Amino acid sequence: MIRELMHDPIFLSARSEAATKEDMQVAEDLLDTLMANRETCVGMAANMIGVRKRIIAFLDESGRTPTYTVMLNPEIVGKEGAYDTEEGCLSLPGDPRPCKRYKSVKVKYQTRELQTRIKTYTGRTAQIIQHETDHCEGILI
């Protein structure tokens, strides 16, 4: 189900709670909402649809064919190659804002089947994951 986007910076600034098997509908709704906004958005966190759970969905461009991916409880456990950039956010209207990102990130997460994975991402996909995991931490750019 496509959900309405949250724009309240106070709500978005709160840390999200761990996702559990009871949150699978939230994961589906998040993916549906991302797909509905794919013309202007490449990633979302559950708090962007009003749910404070550690769930992100994003366009993964790391493989041969770009695919939409959902991660539960993502945690960046390694990072390399700091750089400064600017990013916009669908939840925070206005001009892009400056932020620090890393060219490569190692992420520990759970799949929708609750299987734990660790994977390294680079480039734009790494940047998207960093932005969305910041949302889970209540960090706004």
Protein backbone atom coordinates (compact mmCIF):
# COMPACT_ATOMS: atom_id res chain seq x y z
CA MET A 1 0.00 0.00 0.00
CA ILE A 2 1.31 3.43 -0.91
CA ARG A 3 1.61 5.61 2.20
CA GLU A 4 1.64 9.36 2.68
CA LEU A 5 5.08 10.90 3.16
CA MET A 6 6.11 12.28 6.54
CA HIS A 7 7.57 15.80 6.53
CA ASP A 8 7.68 16.57 10.28
CA PRO A 9 11.36 17.15 11.21
CA ILE A 10 10.67 16.38 14.88
CA PHE A 11 9.26 12.95 14.01
CA LEU A 12 12.04 12.31 11.50
CA SER A 13 14.71 13.26 14.07
CA ALA A 14 13.84 10.38 16.41
CA ARG A 15 15.80 7.11 16.23
CA SER A 16 13.95 4.13 14.82
CA GLU A 17 13.39 0.85 16.67
CA ALA A 18 14.56 -2.55 15.47
CA ALA A 19 12.36 -4.21 12.86
CA THR A 20 10.90 -7.65 13.55
CA LYS A 21 8.90 -10.24 11.62
CA GLU A 22 5.76 -8.32 12.61
CA ASP A 23 6.95 -5.40 10.45
CA MET A 24 6.87 -7.13 7.06
CA GLN A 25 3.81 -5.16 5.95
CA VAL A 26 5.71 -1.95 6.72
CA ALA A 27 8.53 -3.19 4.48
CA GLU A 28 6.07 -3.86 1.66
CA ASP A 29 4.39 -0.48 2.11
CA LEU A 30 7.79 1.23 2.08
CA LEU A 31 8.72 -0.47 -1.18
CA ASP A 32 5.32 0.37 -2.71
CA THR A 33 5.73 4.02 -1.69
CA LEU A 34 9.27 4.17 -3.09
CA MET A 35 8.11 2.68 -6.38
CA ALA A 36 5.29 5.24 -6.57
CA ASN A 37 7.89 8.02 -6.16
CA ARG A 38 10.62 6.48 -8.34
CA GLU A 39 10.72 9.48 -10.69
CA THR A 40 12.03 11.71 -7.87
CA CYS A 41 13.40 9.30 -5.24
CA VAL A 42 15.92 6.42 -5.12
CA GLY A 43 15.64 5.45 -1.45
CA MET A 44 13.38 5.65 1.60
CA ALA A 45 13.41 4.77 5.27
CA ALA A 46 10.31 3.65 7.17
CA ASN A 47 10.16 6.86 9.19
CA MET A 48 9.50 8.67 5.90
CA ILE A 49 6.12 6.89 5.81
CA GLY A 50 5.43 7.53 9.49
CA VAL A 51 6.79 4.31 11.02
CA ARG A 52 9.81 4.39 13.35
CA LYS A 53 11.29 1.04 12.38
CA ARG A 54 14.77 0.29 11.03
CA ILE A 55 13.73 -0.57 7.49
CA ILE A 56 15.07 0.93 4.27
CA ALA A 57 14.24 0.43 0.60
CA PHE A 58 16.43 1.66 -2.25
CA LEU A 59 17.45 1.31 -5.86
CA ASP A 60 20.47 -0.99 -5.87
CA GLU A 61 22.63 -0.22 -8.88
CA SER A 62 25.51 -2.46 -7.80
CA GLY A 63 24.60 -5.39 -10.05
CA ARG A 64 24.19 -5.76 -13.79
CA THR A 65 20.52 -4.82 -13.57
CA PRO A 66 19.29 -2.20 -11.10
CA THR A 67 16.87 -3.72 -8.59
CA TYR A 68 14.87 -2.44 -5.65
CA THR A 69 16.13 -3.82 -2.34
CA VAL A 70 14.71 -3.84 1.18
CA MET A 71 16.93 -4.08 4.25
CA LEU A 72 15.77 -4.60 7.82
CA ASN A 73 17.96 -3.34 10.66
CA PRO A 74 20.77 -2.04 8.42
CA GLU A 75 23.98 -1.15 10.20
CA ILE A 76 27.08 0.28 8.55
CA VAL A 77 29.96 -1.73 9.97
CA GLY A 78 32.75 -0.41 7.74
CA LYS A 79 33.40 2.61 5.55
CA GLU A 80 36.19 3.93 3.35
CA GLY A 81 36.92 6.97 1.21
CA ALA A 82 35.27 9.98 2.83
CA TYR A 83 34.07 12.78 0.56
CA ASP A 84 31.85 15.85 0.78
CA THR A 85 28.69 16.07 -1.32
CA GLU A 86 25.18 17.51 -1.35
CA GLU A 87 21.91 15.61 -1.11
CA GLY A 88 18.22 16.31 -1.27
CA CYS A 89 15.46 14.44 0.52
CA LEU A 90 11.85 13.81 -0.40
CA SER A 91 10.86 14.35 3.25
CA LEU A 92 12.73 17.65 3.52
CA PRO A 93 11.77 20.01 0.72
CA GLY A 94 14.26 22.62 -0.40
CA ASP A 95 17.68 22.79 -1.91
CA PRO A 96 20.24 19.99 -1.52
CA ARG A 97 22.21 20.17 1.72
CA PRO A 98 25.91 19.45 2.33
CA CYS A 99 26.88 16.15 3.93
CA LYS A 100 29.84 13.77 4.33
CA ARG A 101 29.65 10.34 2.71
CA TYR A 102 31.94 7.39 2.01
CA LYS A 103 32.73 5.82 -1.37
CA SER A 104 32.43 2.30 0.06
CA VAL A 105 30.34 0.94 2.95
CA LYS A 106 30.03 -2.52 4.45
CA VAL A 107 26.47 -3.12 5.65
CA LYS A 108 25.13 -5.74 8.04
CA TYR A 109 21.38 -6.20 7.60
CA GLN A 110 18.51 -8.67 7.50
CA THR A 111 16.57 -9.70 4.42
CA ARG A 112 12.77 -9.85 4.40
CA GLU A 113 13.21 -13.51 5.32
CA LEU A 114 15.14 -12.31 8.41
CA GLN A 115 18.40 -13.81 7.17
CA THR A 116 21.47 -11.83 8.24
CA ARG A 117 23.77 -10.66 5.46
CA ILE A 118 26.91 -8.56 5.19
CA LYS A 119 27.65 -6.87 1.89
CA THR A 120 29.90 -4.08 0.63
CA TYR A 121 28.42 -1.38 -1.60
CA THR A 122 30.18 1.34 -3.55
CA GLY A 123 29.34 4.47 -5.50
CA ARG A 124 25.82 5.82 -5.73
CA THR A 125 24.28 2.78 -4.05
CA ALA A 126 26.60 3.26 -1.06
CA GLN A 127 25.57 6.92 -0.87
CA ILE A 128 21.86 6.03 -0.92
CA ILE A 129 22.30 3.44 1.84
CA GLN A 130 24.17 5.97 3.99
CA HIS A 131 21.38 8.53 3.55
CA GLU A 132 18.67 6.02 4.49
CA THR A 133 20.54 4.55 7.47
CA ASP A 134 20.98 8.14 8.70
CA HIS A 135 17.17 8.38 8.65
CA CYS A 136 17.03 5.29 10.90
CA GLU A 137 19.32 7.09 13.34
CA GLY A 138 17.23 10.26 13.26
CA ILE A 139 19.94 12.14 11.38
CA LEU A 140 18.61 14.68 8.90
CA ILE A 141 20.78 16.24 6.24
